[in-house]
Amino acid sequence: MVWCWLARKDSNGRVRPDTGETLIGLGNGYLPPAPLQPGHLVWLGAPFASPSLIAPEFFRADFAADINPKLAGRLSNQQRPTSFGLFFEPAGPVAWHALPSWYAVSGLDRMVDPPFNARWRPGSGPQR
């Protein structure tokens, strides 16, 4: 699973991820991703201490609302477990310092709080 709301605001007002930042720190003040609501994750062991998946009954609404229900079901079945610890793990080196980057903004996103999402600006990275 790729989480893409790591960000900081630069001097131009753009929000960009940077090395060493954590998801939990950057998400302060915003709604958490929909799968973090009670019951939306299936833990493969002890809650918060084991890998998890988005519960199949919430997968489409939380992660793939704009696609065909059958395809959403197939994607749900192909999930790979992820660690809750990813919210606390500092980001490694980021590519936008050297590579052009793009980002799609959605007003109805359930993975990234729309007010946080709206802070993103196009044009991260070197311009061509």
N, C-alpha and C. Protein backbone atom coordinates (compact mmCIF):
# COMPACT_ATOMS: atom_id res chain seq x y z
N MET A 1 0.84 -1.16 0.00
CA MET A 1 0.00 0.00 0.00
C MET A 1 0.89 1.23 0.00
N VAL A 2 0.56 2.22 -0.81
CA VAL A 2 1.34 3.45 -0.87
C VAL A 2 0.54 4.54 -0.18
N TRP A 3 1.16 5.19 0.78
CA TRP A 3 0.53 6.30 1.48
C TRP A 3 1.18 7.56 0.97
N CYS A 4 0.40 8.52 0.51
CA CYS A 4 1.02 9.66 -0.15
C CYS A 4 0.61 10.99 0.46
N TRP A 5 0.34 11.04 1.76
CA TRP A 5 0.04 12.36 2.30
C TRP A 5 1.19 12.93 3.11
N LEU A 6 2.35 12.27 3.07
CA LEU A 6 3.55 12.86 3.68
C LEU A 6 3.79 14.21 3.03
N ALA A 7 3.94 15.27 3.80
CA ALA A 7 4.13 16.55 3.15
C ALA A 7 4.60 17.64 4.09
N ARG A 8 5.19 18.66 3.51
CA ARG A 8 5.50 19.88 4.24
C ARG A 8 5.32 21.03 3.28
N LYS A 9 5.06 22.21 3.78
CA LYS A 9 4.85 23.36 2.92
C LYS A 9 6.20 24.05 2.69
N ASP A 10 6.52 24.29 1.41
CA ASP A 10 7.77 24.98 1.13
C ASP A 10 7.53 26.48 1.03
N SER A 11 8.54 27.24 0.69
CA SER A 11 8.42 28.71 0.65
C SER A 11 7.47 29.20 -0.44
N ASN A 12 7.14 28.34 -1.40
CA ASN A 12 6.19 28.71 -2.46
C ASN A 12 4.76 28.29 -2.14
N GLY A 13 4.52 27.75 -0.95
CA GLY A 13 3.18 27.31 -0.57
C GLY A 13 2.84 25.92 -1.04
N ARG A 14 3.78 25.25 -1.71
CA ARG A 14 3.53 23.87 -2.14
C ARG A 14 3.75 22.94 -0.96
N VAL A 15 2.99 21.86 -0.92
CA VAL A 15 3.16 20.87 0.13
C VAL A 15 3.93 19.71 -0.49
N ARG A 16 5.05 19.37 0.14
CA ARG A 16 5.91 18.32 -0.41
C ARG A 16 6.40 17.41 0.70
N PRO A 17 6.57 16.12 0.39
CA PRO A 17 7.16 15.22 1.38
C PRO A 17 8.65 15.52 1.53
N ASP A 18 9.19 15.15 2.65
CA ASP A 18 10.65 15.27 2.77
C ASP A 18 11.20 14.18 3.68
N THR A 19 12.47 13.96 3.54
CA THR A 19 13.18 12.93 4.29
C THR A 19 13.00 13.13 5.79
N GLY A 20 12.71 12.03 6.50
CA GLY A 20 12.62 12.07 7.95
C GLY A 20 11.24 12.36 8.51
N GLU A 21 10.31 12.77 7.68
CA GLU A 21 8.96 13.06 8.16
C GLU A 21 8.17 11.77 8.33
N THR A 22 7.20 11.77 9.24
CA THR A 22 6.35 10.60 9.46
C THR A 22 4.91 10.92 9.08
N LEU A 23 4.17 9.89 8.70
CA LEU A 23 2.77 10.06 8.37
C LEU A 23 1.98 10.58 9.57
N ILE A 24 2.23 10.01 10.74
CA ILE A 24 1.46 10.39 11.92
C ILE A 24 1.72 11.85 12.27
N GLY A 25 2.94 12.30 12.13
CA GLY A 25 3.26 13.69 12.43
C GLY A 25 2.65 14.66 11.44
N LEU A 26 2.70 14.32 10.17
CA LEU A 26 2.16 15.20 9.14
C LEU A 26 0.64 15.22 9.11
N GLY A 27 0.03 14.17 9.62
CA GLY A 27 -1.44 14.11 9.63
C GLY A 27 -2.09 14.81 10.80
N ASN A 28 -1.30 15.33 11.72
CA ASN A 28 -1.87 16.03 12.88
C ASN A 28 -2.81 17.13 12.43
N GLY A 29 -4.02 17.14 12.98
CA GLY A 29 -4.99 18.18 12.65
C GLY A 29 -5.92 17.81 11.51
N TYR A 30 -5.73 16.63 10.92
CA TYR A 30 -6.57 16.19 9.81
C TYR A 30 -7.22 14.86 10.16
N LEU A 31 -8.28 14.52 9.45
CA LEU A 31 -8.94 13.23 9.66
C LEU A 31 -8.00 12.11 9.23
N PRO A 32 -8.00 11.00 9.96
CA PRO A 32 -7.16 9.87 9.54
C PRO A 32 -7.78 9.19 8.31
N PRO A 33 -7.00 8.38 7.60
CA PRO A 33 -7.56 7.63 6.48
C PRO A 33 -8.76 6.79 6.93
N ALA A 34 -9.75 6.67 6.07
CA ALA A 34 -10.97 5.91 6.40
C ALA A 34 -10.68 4.52 6.95
N PRO A 35 -9.69 3.78 6.41
CA PRO A 35 -9.45 2.45 6.96
C PRO A 35 -9.05 2.44 8.43
N LEU A 36 -8.65 3.57 8.97
CA LEU A 36 -8.28 3.59 10.39
C LEU A 36 -9.48 3.78 11.31
N GLN A 37 -10.68 3.87 10.74
CA GLN A 37 -11.89 3.91 11.56
C GLN A 37 -12.10 2.51 12.15
N PRO A 38 -12.72 2.44 13.34
CA PRO A 38 -12.93 1.12 13.97
C PRO A 38 -13.61 0.12 13.03
N GLY A 39 -13.04 -1.07 12.95
CA GLY A 39 -13.61 -2.15 12.16
C GLY A 39 -13.20 -2.17 10.71
N HIS A 40 -12.50 -1.15 10.23
CA HIS A 40 -12.15 -1.10 8.81
C HIS A 40 -10.88 -1.86 8.47
N LEU A 41 -10.12 -2.27 9.48
CA LEU A 41 -8.92 -3.08 9.23
C LEU A 41 -9.11 -4.49 9.77
N VAL A 42 -8.54 -5.45 9.07
CA VAL A 42 -8.51 -6.83 9.52
C VAL A 42 -7.07 -7.08 9.96
N TRP A 43 -6.90 -7.33 11.24
CA TRP A 43 -5.56 -7.58 11.79
C TRP A 43 -5.23 -9.05 11.63
N LEU A 44 -4.01 -9.37 11.27
CA LEU A 44 -3.58 -10.75 11.08
C LEU A 44 -2.99 -11.33 12.36
N GLY A 45 -3.10 -10.61 13.44
CA GLY A 45 -2.61 -11.01 14.75
C GLY A 45 -3.13 -9.98 15.75
N ALA A 46 -2.30 -9.62 16.70
CA ALA A 46 -2.69 -8.63 17.72
C ALA A 46 -2.90 -7.27 17.06
N PRO A 47 -4.04 -6.60 17.33
CA PRO A 47 -4.29 -5.28 16.75
C PRO A 47 -3.14 -4.30 17.04
N PHE A 48 -2.78 -3.56 16.01
CA PHE A 48 -1.72 -2.54 16.03
C PHE A 48 -0.31 -3.11 16.16
N ALA A 49 -0.18 -4.39 16.42
CA ALA A 49 1.14 -5.01 16.56
C ALA A 49 1.40 -6.04 15.47
N SER A 50 0.45 -6.18 14.54
CA SER A 50 0.59 -7.17 13.48
C SER A 50 0.18 -6.54 12.15
N PRO A 51 0.54 -7.17 11.04
CA PRO A 51 0.11 -6.66 9.74
C PRO A 51 -1.42 -6.64 9.63
N SER A 52 -1.92 -5.80 8.73
CA SER A 52 -3.36 -5.69 8.53
C SER A 52 -3.70 -5.46 7.07
N LEU A 53 -4.97 -5.64 6.77
CA LEU A 53 -5.57 -5.39 5.45
C LEU A 53 -6.80 -4.53 5.65
N ILE A 54 -7.23 -3.84 4.59
CA ILE A 54 -8.52 -3.15 4.65
C ILE A 54 -9.60 -4.23 4.58
N ALA A 55 -10.57 -4.19 5.49
CA ALA A 55 -11.64 -5.18 5.51
C ALA A 55 -12.37 -5.19 4.16
N PRO A 56 -12.63 -6.36 3.60
CA PRO A 56 -13.26 -6.45 2.28
C PRO A 56 -14.56 -5.64 2.16
N GLU A 57 -15.36 -5.62 3.22
CA GLU A 57 -16.63 -4.89 3.14
C GLU A 57 -16.46 -3.37 3.10
N PHE A 58 -15.26 -2.88 3.42
CA PHE A 58 -14.99 -1.44 3.38
C PHE A 58 -14.03 -1.05 2.27
N PHE A 59 -13.41 -2.04 1.62
CA PHE A 59 -12.35 -1.76 0.66
C PHE A 59 -12.81 -0.80 -0.44
N ARG A 60 -13.93 -1.10 -1.09
CA ARG A 60 -14.35 -0.26 -2.21
C ARG A 60 -14.64 1.16 -1.75
N ALA A 61 -15.42 1.32 -0.70
CA ALA A 61 -15.79 2.67 -0.24
C ALA A 61 -14.57 3.45 0.24
N ASP A 62 -13.66 2.78 0.92
CA ASP A 62 -12.51 3.46 1.50
C ASP A 62 -11.37 3.71 0.51
N PHE A 63 -11.18 2.79 -0.43
CA PHE A 63 -9.97 2.82 -1.23
C PHE A 63 -10.20 2.87 -2.74
N ALA A 64 -11.35 2.41 -3.22
CA ALA A 64 -11.56 2.29 -4.67
C ALA A 64 -12.99 2.62 -5.07
N ALA A 65 -13.53 3.69 -4.53
CA ALA A 65 -14.95 4.02 -4.72
C ALA A 65 -15.33 4.30 -6.17
N ASP A 66 -14.37 4.72 -6.97
CA ASP A 66 -14.70 5.13 -8.34
C ASP A 66 -14.52 4.02 -9.37
N ILE A 67 -14.33 2.78 -8.92
CA ILE A 67 -14.17 1.70 -9.89
C ILE A 67 -15.30 0.69 -9.78
N ASN A 68 -15.43 -0.11 -10.79
CA ASN A 68 -16.43 -1.16 -10.88
C ASN A 68 -16.35 -2.07 -9.65
N PRO A 69 -17.50 -2.43 -9.07
CA PRO A 69 -17.50 -3.27 -7.87
C PRO A 69 -16.76 -4.60 -8.02
N LYS A 70 -16.86 -5.23 -9.20
CA LYS A 70 -16.15 -6.50 -9.40
C LYS A 70 -14.63 -6.29 -9.36
N LEU A 71 -14.16 -5.23 -10.01
CA LEU A 71 -12.73 -4.95 -9.99
C LEU A 71 -12.29 -4.59 -8.56
N ALA A 72 -13.08 -3.81 -7.86
CA ALA A 72 -12.75 -3.47 -6.46
C ALA A 72 -12.64 -4.75 -5.63
N GLY A 73 -13.54 -5.71 -5.86
CA GLY A 73 -13.48 -6.99 -5.14
C GLY A 73 -12.21 -7.75 -5.44
N ARG A 74 -11.80 -7.74 -6.71
CA ARG A 74 -10.55 -8.43 -7.08
C ARG A 74 -9.35 -7.74 -6.43
N LEU A 75 -9.35 -6.41 -6.45
CA LEU A 75 -8.26 -5.68 -5.82
C LEU A 75 -8.22 -5.95 -4.31
N SER A 76 -9.38 -5.99 -3.70
CA SER A 76 -9.44 -6.28 -2.26
C SER A 76 -8.82 -7.65 -1.97
N ASN A 77 -9.15 -8.63 -2.81
CA ASN A 77 -8.62 -9.98 -2.62
C ASN A 77 -7.12 -10.07 -2.86
N GLN A 78 -6.54 -9.10 -3.56
CA GLN A 78 -5.11 -9.11 -3.87
C GLN A 78 -4.29 -8.23 -2.93
N GLN A 79 -4.92 -7.67 -1.91
CA GLN A 79 -4.17 -6.84 -0.97
C GLN A 79 -3.01 -7.61 -0.36
N ARG A 80 -1.96 -6.87 -0.04
CA ARG A 80 -0.84 -7.42 0.71
C ARG A 80 -0.86 -6.78 2.09
N PRO A 81 -0.63 -7.54 3.12
CA PRO A 81 -0.65 -6.96 4.47
C PRO A 81 0.38 -5.83 4.61
N THR A 82 0.01 -4.86 5.41
CA THR A 82 0.92 -3.75 5.70
C THR A 82 1.01 -3.56 7.21
N SER A 83 2.04 -2.90 7.62
CA SER A 83 2.27 -2.69 9.05
C SER A 83 1.73 -1.35 9.50
N PHE A 84 1.07 -1.33 10.64
CA PHE A 84 0.61 -0.08 11.22
C PHE A 84 1.79 0.82 11.55
N GLY A 85 2.95 0.20 11.75
CA GLY A 85 4.15 0.95 12.06
C GLY A 85 4.57 1.93 10.97
N LEU A 86 4.04 1.76 9.75
CA LEU A 86 4.41 2.68 8.67
C LEU A 86 4.02 4.12 9.00
N PHE A 87 3.04 4.31 9.88
CA PHE A 87 2.63 5.67 10.26
C PHE A 87 3.69 6.37 11.11
N PHE A 88 4.58 5.59 11.70
CA PHE A 88 5.59 6.14 12.62
C PHE A 88 7.01 6.07 12.05
N GLU A 89 7.16 5.44 10.90
CA GLU A 89 8.47 5.25 10.28
C GLU A 89 8.86 6.52 9.51
N PRO A 90 10.02 7.10 9.80
CA PRO A 90 10.45 8.28 9.06
C PRO A 90 10.66 7.95 7.58
N ALA A 91 10.28 8.88 6.73
CA ALA A 91 10.46 8.70 5.28
C ALA A 91 11.94 8.68 4.93
N GLY A 92 12.27 7.87 3.97
CA GLY A 92 13.63 7.84 3.45
C GLY A 92 13.83 8.97 2.45
N PRO A 93 14.88 8.88 1.64
CA PRO A 93 15.12 9.93 0.65
C PRO A 93 13.93 10.06 -0.30
N VAL A 94 13.59 11.27 -0.65
CA VAL A 94 12.45 11.52 -1.55
C VAL A 94 12.96 11.90 -2.93
N ALA A 95 12.20 11.55 -3.95
CA ALA A 95 12.64 11.75 -5.33
C ALA A 95 12.34 13.14 -5.87
N TRP A 96 11.38 13.87 -5.28
CA TRP A 96 10.97 15.13 -5.90
C TRP A 96 12.07 16.17 -5.94
N HIS A 97 13.13 16.00 -5.15
CA HIS A 97 14.25 16.94 -5.22
C HIS A 97 14.93 16.88 -6.59
N ALA A 98 14.89 15.72 -7.24
CA ALA A 98 15.60 15.53 -8.49
C ALA A 98 14.71 15.20 -9.69
N LEU A 99 13.49 14.68 -9.44
CA LEU A 99 12.62 14.24 -10.53
C LEU A 99 11.32 15.04 -10.55
N PRO A 100 10.80 15.36 -11.75
CA PRO A 100 9.48 16.01 -11.81
C PRO A 100 8.44 15.12 -11.16
N SER A 101 7.48 15.72 -10.47
CA SER A 101 6.45 14.96 -9.75
C SER A 101 5.08 15.54 -10.03
N TRP A 102 4.06 14.67 -9.98
CA TRP A 102 2.68 15.09 -10.17
C TRP A 102 1.85 14.49 -9.07
N TYR A 103 0.69 15.08 -8.84
CA TYR A 103 -0.21 14.59 -7.80
C TYR A 103 -1.63 14.91 -8.19
N ALA A 104 -2.53 13.94 -8.08
CA ALA A 104 -3.95 14.15 -8.37
C ALA A 104 -4.66 14.53 -7.08
N VAL A 105 -5.45 15.60 -7.12
CA VAL A 105 -6.18 16.07 -5.95
C VAL A 105 -7.64 15.66 -6.09
N SER A 106 -8.20 15.09 -5.02
CA SER A 106 -9.59 14.66 -5.02
C SER A 106 -10.33 15.29 -3.85
N GLY A 107 -11.51 15.81 -4.11
CA GLY A 107 -12.32 16.39 -3.04
C GLY A 107 -13.10 15.34 -2.27
N LEU A 108 -13.12 14.11 -2.76
CA LEU A 108 -13.90 13.05 -2.11
C LEU A 108 -13.02 11.90 -1.62
N ASP A 109 -11.75 12.15 -1.48
CA ASP A 109 -10.80 11.11 -1.09
C ASP A 109 -11.09 10.64 0.34
N ARG A 110 -11.06 9.31 0.55
CA ARG A 110 -11.27 8.76 1.90
C ARG A 110 -9.96 8.23 2.49
N MET A 111 -8.90 8.24 1.71
CA MET A 111 -7.59 7.83 2.21
C MET A 111 -6.83 9.05 2.72
N VAL A 112 -7.03 10.18 2.07
CA VAL A 112 -6.38 11.43 2.45
C VAL A 112 -7.48 12.45 2.70
N ASP A 113 -7.50 13.05 3.89
CA ASP A 113 -8.50 14.05 4.24
C ASP A 113 -8.51 15.16 3.18
N PRO A 114 -9.67 15.45 2.54
CA PRO A 114 -9.70 16.46 1.48
C PRO A 114 -9.07 17.81 1.85
N PRO A 115 -9.26 18.36 3.07
CA PRO A 115 -8.55 19.62 3.37
C PRO A 115 -7.02 19.48 3.32
N PHE A 116 -6.51 18.32 3.74
CA PHE A 116 -5.07 18.10 3.64
C PHE A 116 -4.69 17.93 2.18
N ASN A 117 -5.49 17.15 1.45
CA ASN A 117 -5.27 16.90 0.03
C ASN A 117 -5.21 18.21 -0.74
N ALA A 118 -6.08 19.16 -0.38
CA ALA A 118 -6.15 20.44 -1.09
C ALA A 118 -4.88 21.27 -0.92
N ARG A 119 -4.08 20.95 0.08
CA ARG A 119 -2.83 21.69 0.29
C ARG A 119 -1.77 21.35 -0.74
N TRP A 120 -1.95 20.20 -1.44
CA TRP A 120 -0.97 19.81 -2.46
C TRP A 120 -1.05 20.78 -3.61
N ARG A 121 0.07 21.02 -4.23
CA ARG A 121 0.13 21.90 -5.40
C ARG A 121 0.91 21.17 -6.49
N PRO A 122 0.48 21.34 -7.74
CA PRO A 122 1.25 20.73 -8.82
C PRO A 122 2.61 21.41 -8.96
N GLY A 123 3.52 20.73 -9.59
CA GLY A 123 4.79 21.33 -9.90
C GLY A 123 5.91 20.97 -8.94
N SER A 124 5.73 19.97 -8.10
CA SER A 124 6.82 19.56 -7.22
C SER A 124 7.99 19.07 -8.07
N GLY A 125 9.17 19.34 -7.62
CA GLY A 125 10.35 18.86 -8.30
C GLY A 125 10.79 19.79 -9.42
N PRO A 126 11.83 19.38 -10.14
CA PRO A 126 12.36 20.21 -11.21
C PRO A 126 11.31 20.43 -12.30
N GLN A 127 11.34 21.58 -12.88
CA GLN A 127 10.39 21.89 -13.96
C GLN A 127 11.04 21.60 -15.31
N ARG A 128 10.20 21.19 -16.27
CA ARG A 128 10.70 20.95 -17.64
C ARG A 128 10.08 21.94 -18.58
